[in-house]
Amino acid sequence: GVVSCADILAVAARDASVAVGGPSWTVRLGGRDSPDSNAAEAATDLPRGNMNLGELISNFANKGFNTREMVALSGSHTLGQARCLRFRGRIYNSPLPID
């Protein structure tokens, strides 16, 4: 019964990978978008743009991804761009903000 912006982005990334012949994976749905962010957690938990290959492989392995899955997930992010801001209003039945 719950669909979040994060769920939609995860499914879109997976489907983009499949559309270009890459691997597929099961996306766990039902998460809720956080009303706020945690900068300290993001700094230690998410991959950073300045990580080298070994650090990226380790970071993704900590989340259960192998190297092939890491490459597919990273590559699928380059196929298009989506921001929750653009479809959030349809999910939560509120007007879309103007930016």
PDB file of N, CA and C in Angstrom:
ATOM      1  N   GLY A   1       0.783  -1.203   0.000  1.00  0.00           N
ATOM      2  CA  GLY A   1       0.000   0.000   0.000  1.00  0.00           C
ATOM      3  C   GLY A   1       0.829   1.274   0.000  1.00  0.00           C
ATOM      4  N   VAL A   2       2.131   1.171   0.204  1.00  0.00           N
ATOM      5  CA  VAL A   2       2.960   2.367   0.261  1.00  0.00           C
ATOM      6  C   VAL A   2       3.848   2.427  -0.977  1.00  0.00           C
ATOM      7  N   VAL A   3       3.842   3.550  -1.656  1.00  0.00           N
ATOM      8  CA  VAL A   3       4.744   3.787  -2.779  1.00  0.00           C
ATOM      9  C   VAL A   3       5.470   5.082  -2.490  1.00  0.00           C
ATOM     10  N   SER A   4       6.775   5.020  -2.484  1.00  0.00           N
ATOM     11  CA  SER A   4       7.567   6.208  -2.179  1.00  0.00           C
ATOM     12  C   SER A   4       8.331   6.670  -3.410  1.00  0.00           C
ATOM     13  N   CYS A   5       8.846   7.881  -3.349  1.00  0.00           N
ATOM     14  CA  CYS A   5       9.702   8.385  -4.432  1.00  0.00           C
ATOM     15  C   CYS A   5      10.925   7.484  -4.574  1.00  0.00           C
ATOM     16  N   ALA A   6      11.489   7.067  -3.460  1.00  0.00           N
ATOM     17  CA  ALA A   6      12.661   6.190  -3.501  1.00  0.00           C
ATOM     18  C   ALA A   6      12.328   4.877  -4.214  1.00  0.00           C
ATOM     19  N   ASP A   7      11.134   4.324  -3.971  1.00  0.00           N
ATOM     20  CA  ASP A   7      10.715   3.095  -4.650  1.00  0.00           C
ATOM     21  C   ASP A   7      10.664   3.309  -6.163  1.00  0.00           C
ATOM     22  N   ILE A   8      10.070   4.401  -6.572  1.00  0.00           N
ATOM     23  CA  ILE A   8       9.919   4.676  -8.004  1.00  0.00           C
ATOM     24  C   ILE A   8      11.282   4.842  -8.665  1.00  0.00           C
ATOM     25  N   LEU A   9      12.191   5.545  -8.019  1.00  0.00           N
ATOM     26  CA  LEU A   9      13.526   5.729  -8.576  1.00  0.00           C
ATOM     27  C   LEU A   9      14.283   4.410  -8.654  1.00  0.00           C
ATOM     28  N   ALA A  10      14.124   3.551  -7.643  1.00  0.00           N
ATOM     29  CA  ALA A  10      14.795   2.246  -7.651  1.00  0.00           C
ATOM     30  C   ALA A  10      14.261   1.362  -8.771  1.00  0.00           C
ATOM     31  N   VAL A  11      12.956   1.347  -8.968  1.00  0.00           N
ATOM     32  CA  VAL A  11      12.358   0.556 -10.044  1.00  0.00           C
ATOM     33  C   VAL A  11      12.768   1.111 -11.402  1.00  0.00           C
ATOM     34  N   ALA A  12      12.806   2.426 -11.541  1.00  0.00           N
ATOM     35  CA  ALA A  12      13.213   3.039 -12.805  1.00  0.00           C
ATOM     36  C   ALA A  12      14.666   2.699 -13.134  1.00  0.00           C
ATOM     37  N   ALA A  13      15.542   2.697 -12.146  1.00  0.00           N
ATOM     38  CA  ALA A  13      16.948   2.347 -12.369  1.00  0.00           C
ATOM     39  C   ALA A  13      17.064   0.892 -12.813  1.00  0.00           C
ATOM     40  N   ARG A  14      16.331   0.019 -12.156  1.00  0.00           N
ATOM     41  CA  ARG A  14      16.349  -1.399 -12.527  1.00  0.00           C
ATOM     42  C   ARG A  14      15.827  -1.600 -13.945  1.00  0.00           C
ATOM     43  N   ASP A  15      14.711  -0.954 -14.270  1.00  0.00           N
ATOM     44  CA  ASP A  15      14.115  -1.109 -15.597  1.00  0.00           C
ATOM     45  C   ASP A  15      14.999  -0.510 -16.685  1.00  0.00           C
ATOM     46  N   ALA A  16      15.706   0.577 -16.376  1.00  0.00           N
ATOM     47  CA  ALA A  16      16.639   1.160 -17.348  1.00  0.00           C
ATOM     48  C   ALA A  16      17.771   0.187 -17.633  1.00  0.00           C
ATOM     49  N   SER A  17      18.260  -0.480 -16.611  1.00  0.00           N
ATOM     50  CA  SER A  17      19.313  -1.477 -16.795  1.00  0.00           C
ATOM     51  C   SER A  17      18.831  -2.600 -17.704  1.00  0.00           C
ATOM     52  N   VAL A  18      17.655  -3.113 -17.441  1.00  0.00           N
ATOM     53  CA  VAL A  18      17.091  -4.203 -18.244  1.00  0.00           C
ATOM     54  C   VAL A  18      16.863  -3.750 -19.686  1.00  0.00           C
ATOM     55  N   ALA A  19      16.403  -2.517 -19.864  1.00  0.00           N
ATOM     56  CA  ALA A  19      16.091  -2.016 -21.208  1.00  0.00           C
ATOM     57  C   ALA A  19      17.314  -1.959 -22.117  1.00  0.00           C
ATOM     58  N   VAL A  20      18.488  -1.819 -21.534  1.00  0.00           N
ATOM     59  CA  VAL A  20      19.704  -1.755 -22.357  1.00  0.00           C
ATOM     60  C   VAL A  20      20.502  -3.057 -22.292  1.00  0.00           C
ATOM     61  N   GLY A  21      19.840  -4.142 -21.854  1.00  0.00           N
ATOM     62  CA  GLY A  21      20.470  -5.454 -21.852  1.00  0.00           C
ATOM     63  C   GLY A  21      21.271  -5.782 -20.614  1.00  0.00           C
ATOM     64  N   GLY A  22      21.161  -4.966 -19.584  1.00  0.00           N
ATOM     65  CA  GLY A  22      21.870  -5.224 -18.331  1.00  0.00           C
ATOM     66  C   GLY A  22      21.082  -6.156 -17.431  1.00  0.00           C
ATOM     67  N   PRO A  23      21.612  -6.410 -16.251  1.00  0.00           N
ATOM     68  CA  PRO A  23      20.945  -7.335 -15.333  1.00  0.00           C
ATOM     69  C   PRO A  23      19.699  -6.732 -14.695  1.00  0.00           C
ATOM     70  N   SER A  24      18.903  -7.613 -14.142  1.00  0.00           N
ATOM     71  CA  SER A  24      17.722  -7.221 -13.380  1.00  0.00           C
ATOM     72  C   SER A  24      17.945  -7.646 -11.935  1.00  0.00           C
ATOM     73  N   TRP A  25      17.221  -7.058 -11.035  1.00  0.00           N
ATOM     74  CA  TRP A  25      17.291  -7.438  -9.629  1.00  0.00           C
ATOM     75  C   TRP A  25      15.943  -7.143  -8.998  1.00  0.00           C
ATOM     76  N   THR A  26      15.703  -7.766  -7.873  1.00  0.00           N
ATOM     77  CA  THR A  26      14.463  -7.554  -7.144  1.00  0.00           C
ATOM     78  C   THR A  26      14.569  -6.259  -6.357  1.00  0.00           C
ATOM     79  N   VAL A  27      13.583  -5.413  -6.502  1.00  0.00           N
ATOM     80  CA  VAL A  27      13.540  -4.156  -5.752  1.00  0.00           C
ATOM     81  C   VAL A  27      12.537  -4.332  -4.619  1.00  0.00           C
ATOM     82  N   ARG A  28      13.011  -4.160  -3.409  1.00  0.00           N
ATOM     83  CA  ARG A  28      12.097  -4.224  -2.257  1.00  0.00           C
ATOM     84  C   ARG A  28      11.298  -2.927  -2.197  1.00  0.00           C
ATOM     85  N   LEU A  29       9.992  -3.044  -2.221  1.00  0.00           N
ATOM     86  CA  LEU A  29       9.107  -1.888  -2.220  1.00  0.00           C
ATOM     87  C   LEU A  29       8.458  -1.714  -0.854  1.00  0.00           C
ATOM     88  N   GLY A  30       7.886  -0.555  -0.646  1.00  0.00           N
ATOM     89  CA  GLY A  30       7.149  -0.308   0.585  1.00  0.00           C
ATOM     90  C   GLY A  30       7.872   0.610   1.546  1.00  0.00           C
ATOM     91  N   GLY A  31       8.988   1.167   1.103  1.00  0.00           N
ATOM     92  CA  GLY A  31       9.699   2.110   1.962  1.00  0.00           C
ATOM     93  C   GLY A  31       8.958   3.427   2.042  1.00  0.00           C
ATOM     94  N   ARG A  32       9.297   4.201   2.994  1.00  0.00           N
ATOM     95  CA  ARG A  32       8.716   5.537   3.119  1.00  0.00           C
ATOM     96  C   ARG A  32       9.830   6.562   2.935  1.00  0.00           C
ATOM     97  N   ASP A  33       9.497   7.648   2.246  1.00  0.00           N
ATOM     98  CA  ASP A  33      10.467   8.724   2.091  1.00  0.00           C
ATOM     99  C   ASP A  33      10.629   9.424   3.430  1.00  0.00           C
ATOM    100  N   SER A  34      11.845   9.748   3.747  1.00  0.00           N
ATOM    101  CA  SER A  34      12.125  10.427   5.003  1.00  0.00           C
ATOM    102  C   SER A  34      11.717  11.891   4.912  1.00  0.00           C
ATOM    103  N   PRO A  35      11.123  12.435   5.972  1.00  0.00           N
ATOM    104  CA  PRO A  35      10.774  13.852   5.956  1.00  0.00           C
ATOM    105  C   PRO A  35      12.007  14.744   6.135  1.00  0.00           C
ATOM    106  N   ASP A  36      13.127  14.144   6.545  1.00  0.00           N
ATOM    107  CA  ASP A  36      14.357  14.914   6.696  1.00  0.00           C
ATOM    108  C   ASP A  36      15.547  14.021   6.354  1.00  0.00           C
ATOM    109  N   SER A  37      16.690  14.620   6.193  1.00  0.00           N
ATOM    110  CA  SER A  37      17.880  13.859   5.835  1.00  0.00           C
ATOM    111  C   SER A  37      18.841  13.811   7.010  1.00  0.00           C
ATOM    112  N   ASN A  38      19.757  12.873   6.927  1.00  0.00           N
ATOM    113  CA  ASN A  38      20.764  12.710   7.962  1.00  0.00           C
ATOM    114  C   ASN A  38      22.118  12.823   7.277  1.00  0.00           C
ATOM    115  N   ALA A  39      22.716  14.009   7.328  1.00  0.00           N
ATOM    116  CA  ALA A  39      23.970  14.269   6.619  1.00  0.00           C
ATOM    117  C   ALA A  39      25.089  13.359   7.115  1.00  0.00           C
ATOM    118  N   ALA A  40      25.152  13.104   8.407  1.00  0.00           N
ATOM    119  CA  ALA A  40      26.219  12.255   8.953  1.00  0.00           C
ATOM    120  C   ALA A  40      26.094  10.825   8.431  1.00  0.00           C
ATOM    121  N   GLU A  41      24.865  10.303   8.385  1.00  0.00           N
ATOM    122  CA  GLU A  41      24.654   8.952   7.872  1.00  0.00           C
ATOM    123  C   GLU A  41      24.966   8.883   6.375  1.00  0.00           C
ATOM    124  N   ALA A  42      24.540   9.879   5.627  1.00  0.00           N
ATOM    125  CA  ALA A  42      24.820   9.896   4.188  1.00  0.00           C
ATOM    126  C   ALA A  42      26.328   9.947   3.933  1.00  0.00           C
ATOM    127  N   ALA A  43      27.054  10.698   4.740  1.00  0.00           N
ATOM    128  CA  ALA A  43      28.500  10.835   4.549  1.00  0.00           C
ATOM    129  C   ALA A  43      29.238   9.522   4.780  1.00  0.00           C
ATOM    130  N   THR A  44      28.697   8.673   5.633  1.00  0.00           N
ATOM    131  CA  THR A  44      29.377   7.404   5.929  1.00  0.00           C
ATOM    132  C   THR A  44      28.764   6.212   5.211  1.00  0.00           C
ATOM    133  N   ASP A  45      27.550   6.350   4.710  1.00  0.00           N
ATOM    134  CA  ASP A  45      26.820   5.202   4.178  1.00  0.00           C
ATOM    135  C   ASP A  45      26.690   5.180   2.660  1.00  0.00           C
ATOM    136  N   LEU A  46      26.700   6.332   2.025  1.00  0.00           N
ATOM    137  CA  LEU A  46      26.489   6.415   0.578  1.00  0.00           C
ATOM    138  C   LEU A  46      27.823   6.549  -0.151  1.00  0.00           C
ATOM    139  N   PRO A  47      27.900   6.023  -1.379  1.00  0.00           N
ATOM    140  CA  PRO A  47      29.135   6.205  -2.145  1.00  0.00           C
ATOM    141  C   PRO A  47      29.338   7.680  -2.484  1.00  0.00           C
ATOM    142  N   ARG A  48      30.602   8.092  -2.490  1.00  0.00           N
ATOM    143  CA  ARG A  48      30.942   9.479  -2.793  1.00  0.00           C
ATOM    144  C   ARG A  48      31.642   9.561  -4.147  1.00  0.00           C
ATOM    145  N   GLY A  49      31.551  10.696  -4.778  1.00  0.00           N
ATOM    146  CA  GLY A  49      32.149  10.895  -6.091  1.00  0.00           C
ATOM    147  C   GLY A  49      33.661  10.823  -6.113  1.00  0.00           C
ATOM    148  N   ASN A  50      34.300  10.965  -4.960  1.00  0.00           N
ATOM    149  CA  ASN A  50      35.761  10.932  -4.920  1.00  0.00           C
ATOM    150  C   ASN A  50      36.317   9.562  -4.510  1.00  0.00           C
ATOM    151  N   MET A  51      35.453   8.552  -4.414  1.00  0.00           N
ATOM    152  CA  MET A  51      35.915   7.203  -4.068  1.00  0.00           C
ATOM    153  C   MET A  51      36.636   6.575  -5.253  1.00  0.00           C
ATOM    154  N   ASN A  52      37.705   5.805  -4.949  1.00  0.00           N
ATOM    155  CA  ASN A  52      38.362   5.048  -6.016  1.00  0.00           C
ATOM    156  C   ASN A  52      37.601   3.745  -6.228  1.00  0.00           C
ATOM    157  N   LEU A  53      38.011   2.971  -7.222  1.00  0.00           N
ATOM    158  CA  LEU A  53      37.272   1.763  -7.583  1.00  0.00           C
ATOM    159  C   LEU A  53      37.175   0.779  -6.420  1.00  0.00           C
ATOM    160  N   GLY A  54      38.281   0.567  -5.721  1.00  0.00           N
ATOM    161  CA  GLY A  54      38.268  -0.357  -4.588  1.00  0.00           C
ATOM    162  C   GLY A  54      37.303   0.070  -3.502  1.00  0.00           C
ATOM    163  N   GLU A  55      37.268   1.366  -3.230  1.00  0.00           N
ATOM    164  CA  GLU A  55      36.350   1.889  -2.212  1.00  0.00           C
ATOM    165  C   GLU A  55      34.899   1.728  -2.656  1.00  0.00           C
ATOM    166  N   LEU A  56      34.630   1.969  -3.936  1.00  0.00           N
ATOM    167  CA  LEU A  56      33.268   1.796  -4.445  1.00  0.00           C
ATOM    168  C   LEU A  56      32.825   0.340  -4.354  1.00  0.00           C
ATOM    169  N   ILE A  57      33.698  -0.567  -4.773  1.00  0.00           N
ATOM    170  CA  ILE A  57      33.358  -1.994  -4.703  1.00  0.00           C
ATOM    171  C   ILE A  57      33.057  -2.392  -3.267  1.00  0.00           C
ATOM    172  N   SER A  58      33.869  -1.931  -2.334  1.00  0.00           N
ATOM    173  CA  SER A  58      33.655  -2.236  -0.918  1.00  0.00           C
ATOM    174  C   SER A  58      32.353  -1.634  -0.408  1.00  0.00           C
ATOM    175  N   ASN A  59      32.075  -0.380  -0.787  1.00  0.00           N
ATOM    176  CA  ASN A  59      30.860   0.298  -0.347  1.00  0.00           C
ATOM    177  C   ASN A  59      29.620  -0.442  -0.826  1.00  0.00           C
ATOM    178  N   PHE A  60      29.614  -0.844  -2.102  1.00  0.00           N
ATOM    179  CA  PHE A  60      28.461  -1.563  -2.643  1.00  0.00           C
ATOM    180  C   PHE A  60      28.375  -2.977  -2.066  1.00  0.00           C
ATOM    181  N   ALA A  61      29.520  -3.619  -1.832  1.00  0.00           N
ATOM    182  CA  ALA A  61      29.523  -4.961  -1.231  1.00  0.00           C
ATOM    183  C   ALA A  61      28.891  -4.926   0.159  1.00  0.00           C
ATOM    184  N   ASN A  62      29.106  -3.844   0.889  1.00  0.00           N
ATOM    185  CA  ASN A  62      28.494  -3.701   2.211  1.00  0.00           C
ATOM    186  C   ASN A  62      26.972  -3.662   2.140  1.00  0.00           C
ATOM    187  N   LYS A  63      26.451  -3.358   0.971  1.00  0.00           N
ATOM    188  CA  LYS A  63      24.998  -3.332   0.761  1.00  0.00           C
ATOM    189  C   LYS A  63      24.494  -4.611   0.092  1.00  0.00           C
ATOM    190  N   GLY A  64      25.415  -5.550  -0.173  1.00  0.00           N
ATOM    191  CA  GLY A  64      25.010  -6.819  -0.767  1.00  0.00           C
ATOM    192  C   GLY A  64      25.114  -6.875  -2.277  1.00  0.00           C
ATOM    193  N   PHE A  65      25.741  -5.873  -2.912  1.00  0.00           N
ATOM    194  CA  PHE A  65      25.873  -5.858  -4.362  1.00  0.00           C
ATOM    195  C   PHE A  65      27.243  -6.408  -4.764  1.00  0.00           C
ATOM    196  N   ASN A  66      27.268  -7.201  -5.845  1.00  0.00           N
ATOM    197  CA  ASN A  66      28.561  -7.609  -6.388  1.00  0.00           C
ATOM    198  C   ASN A  66      29.017  -6.536  -7.377  1.00  0.00           C
ATOM    199  N   THR A  67      30.218  -6.718  -7.941  1.00  0.00           N
ATOM    200  CA  THR A  67      30.779  -5.698  -8.828  1.00  0.00           C
ATOM    201  C   THR A  67      29.922  -5.484 -10.070  1.00  0.00           C
ATOM    202  N   ARG A  68      29.413  -6.560 -10.660  1.00  0.00           N
ATOM    203  CA  ARG A  68      28.560  -6.422 -11.853  1.00  0.00           C
ATOM    204  C   ARG A  68      27.299  -5.632 -11.526  1.00  0.00           C
ATOM    205  N   GLU A  69      26.694  -5.917 -10.396  1.00  0.00           N
ATOM    206  CA  GLU A  69      25.485  -5.195  -9.996  1.00  0.00           C
ATOM    207  C   GLU A  69      25.798  -3.720  -9.724  1.00  0.00           C
ATOM    208  N   MET A  70      26.958  -3.454  -9.127  1.00  0.00           N
ATOM    209  CA  MET A  70      27.366  -2.073  -8.877  1.00  0.00           C
ATOM    210  C   MET A  70      27.478  -1.303 -10.192  1.00  0.00           C
ATOM    211  N   VAL A  71      28.117  -1.921 -11.183  1.00  0.00           N
ATOM    212  CA  VAL A  71      28.284  -1.263 -12.477  1.00  0.00           C
ATOM    213  C   VAL A  71      26.927  -1.035 -13.143  1.00  0.00           C
ATOM    214  N   ALA A  72      26.048  -2.032 -13.084  1.00  0.00           N
ATOM    215  CA  ALA A  72      24.723  -1.890 -13.696  1.00  0.00           C
ATOM    216  C   ALA A  72      23.922  -0.789 -13.011  1.00  0.00           C
ATOM    217  N   LEU A  73      23.950  -0.768 -11.701  1.00  0.00           N
ATOM    218  CA  LEU A  73      23.196   0.252 -10.970  1.00  0.00           C
ATOM    219  C   LEU A  73      23.776   1.635 -11.229  1.00  0.00           C
ATOM    220  N   SER A  74      25.082   1.752 -11.215  1.00  0.00           N
ATOM    221  CA  SER A  74      25.720   3.042 -11.485  1.00  0.00           C
ATOM    222  C   SER A  74      25.437   3.489 -12.912  1.00  0.00           C
ATOM    223  N   GLY A  75      25.523   2.574 -13.860  1.00  0.00           N
ATOM    224  CA  GLY A  75      25.271   2.909 -15.260  1.00  0.00           C
ATOM    225  C   GLY A  75      23.841   3.295 -15.519  1.00  0.00           C
ATOM    226  N   SER A  76      22.914   2.638 -14.842  1.00  0.00           N
ATOM    227  CA  SER A  76      21.506   2.959 -15.081  1.00  0.00           C
ATOM    228  C   SER A  76      21.179   4.368 -14.606  1.00  0.00           C
ATOM    229  N   HIS A  77      21.966   4.901 -13.695  1.00  0.00           N
ATOM    230  CA  HIS A  77      21.752   6.281 -13.265  1.00  0.00           C
ATOM    231  C   HIS A  77      22.144   7.281 -14.349  1.00  0.00           C
ATOM    232  N   THR A  78      22.912   6.856 -15.330  1.00  0.00           N
ATOM    233  CA  THR A  78      23.311   7.777 -16.384  1.00  0.00           C
ATOM    234  C   THR A  78      22.359   7.754 -17.573  1.00  0.00           C
ATOM    235  N   LEU A  79      21.396   6.831 -17.584  1.00  0.00           N
ATOM    236  CA  LEU A  79      20.473   6.708 -18.705  1.00  0.00           C
ATOM    237  C   LEU A  79      19.402   7.790 -18.718  1.00  0.00           C
ATOM    238  N   GLY A  80      19.163   8.393 -17.611  1.00  0.00           N
ATOM    239  CA  GLY A  80      18.140   9.426 -17.520  1.00  0.00           C
ATOM    240  C   GLY A  80      18.205  10.067 -16.161  1.00  0.00           C
ATOM    241  N   GLN A  81      17.420  11.074 -15.983  1.00  0.00           N
ATOM    242  CA  GLN A  81      17.406  11.757 -14.700  1.00  0.00           C
ATOM    243  C   GLN A  81      15.977  11.860 -14.216  1.00  0.00           C
ATOM    244  N   ALA A  82      15.796  11.644 -12.942  1.00  0.00           N
ATOM    245  CA  ALA A  82      14.480  11.793 -12.329  1.00  0.00           C
ATOM    246  C   ALA A  82      14.669  12.398 -10.950  1.00  0.00           C
ATOM    247  N   ARG A  83      13.774  13.260 -10.605  1.00  0.00           N
ATOM    248  CA  ARG A  83      13.802  13.856  -9.278  1.00  0.00           C
ATOM    249  C   ARG A  83      12.430  13.674  -8.665  1.00  0.00           C
ATOM    250  N   CYS A  84      12.422  13.279  -7.404  1.00  0.00           N
ATOM    251  CA  CYS A  84      11.145  13.096  -6.710  1.00  0.00           C
ATOM    252  C   CYS A  84      10.292  14.353  -6.788  1.00  0.00           C
ATOM    253  N   LEU A  85      10.946  15.488  -6.804  1.00  0.00           N
ATOM    254  CA  LEU A  85      10.237  16.758  -6.874  1.00  0.00           C
ATOM    255  C   LEU A  85       9.253  16.787  -8.038  1.00  0.00           C
ATOM    256  N   ARG A  86       9.597  16.128  -9.154  1.00  0.00           N
ATOM    257  CA  ARG A  86       8.770  16.172 -10.358  1.00  0.00           C
ATOM    258  C   ARG A  86       7.509  15.312 -10.272  1.00  0.00           C
ATOM    259  N   PHE A  87       7.500  14.249  -9.485  1.00  0.00           N
ATOM    260  CA  PHE A  87       6.306  13.403  -9.429  1.00  0.00           C
ATOM    261  C   PHE A  87       5.759  13.228  -8.020  1.00  0.00           C
ATOM    262  N   ARG A  88       6.344  13.882  -7.060  1.00  0.00           N
ATOM    263  CA  ARG A  88       5.925  13.779  -5.669  1.00  0.00           C
ATOM    264  C   ARG A  88       4.446  14.164  -5.476  1.00  0.00           C
ATOM    265  N   GLY A  89       4.005  15.199  -6.172  1.00  0.00           N
ATOM    266  CA  GLY A  89       2.624  15.659  -6.025  1.00  0.00           C
ATOM    267  C   GLY A  89       1.602  14.625  -6.440  1.00  0.00           C
ATOM    268  N   ARG A  90       1.934  13.818  -7.449  1.00  0.00           N
ATOM    269  CA  ARG A  90       1.012  12.772  -7.885  1.00  0.00           C
ATOM    270  C   ARG A  90       0.946  11.632  -6.881  1.00  0.00           C
ATOM    271  N   ILE A  91       2.037  11.386  -6.198  1.00  0.00           N
ATOM    272  CA  ILE A  91       2.047  10.311  -5.196  1.00  0.00           C
ATOM    273  C   ILE A  91       1.263  10.729  -3.967  1.00  0.00           C
ATOM    274  N   TYR A  92       1.502  11.955  -3.511  1.00  0.00           N
ATOM    275  CA  TYR A  92       0.925  12.418  -2.253  1.00  0.00           C
ATOM    276  C   TYR A  92      -0.293  13.315  -2.452  1.00  0.00           C
ATOM    277  N   ASN A  93      -0.799  13.378  -3.702  1.00  0.00           N
ATOM    278  CA  ASN A  93      -2.002  14.139  -4.016  1.00  0.00           C
ATOM    279  C   ASN A  93      -1.901  15.593  -3.549  1.00  0.00           C
ATOM    280  N   SER A  94      -0.802  16.218  -3.921  1.00  0.00           N
ATOM    281  CA  SER A  94      -0.623  17.634  -3.606  1.00  0.00           C
ATOM    282  C   SER A  94      -0.057  18.323  -4.845  1.00  0.00           C
ATOM    283  N   PRO A  95      -0.178  19.636  -4.925  1.00  0.00           N
ATOM    284  CA  PRO A  95       0.301  20.340  -6.111  1.00  0.00           C
ATOM    285  C   PRO A  95       1.816  20.186  -6.273  1.00  0.00           C
ATOM    286  N   LEU A  96       2.254  20.170  -7.507  1.00  0.00           N
ATOM    287  CA  LEU A  96       3.685  20.111  -7.786  1.00  0.00           C
ATOM    288  C   LEU A  96       4.315  21.475  -7.485  1.00  0.00           C
ATOM    289  N   PRO A  97       5.446  21.488  -6.810  1.00  0.00           N
ATOM    290  CA  PRO A  97       6.116  22.774  -6.579  1.00  0.00           C
ATOM    291  C   PRO A  97       6.735  23.280  -7.876  1.00  0.00           C
ATOM    292  N   ILE A  98       6.937  24.539  -7.956  1.00  0.00           N
ATOM    293  CA  ILE A  98       7.586  25.147  -9.115  1.00  0.00           C
ATOM    294  C   ILE A  98       9.040  25.419  -8.733  1.00  0.00           C
ATOM    295  N   ASP A  99       9.962  24.945  -9.576  1.00  0.00           N
ATOM    296  CA  ASP A  99      11.370  25.243  -9.293  1.00  0.00           C
ATOM    297  C   ASP A  99      12.075  25.740 -10.515  1.00  0.00           C
TER     298      ASP A  99
END
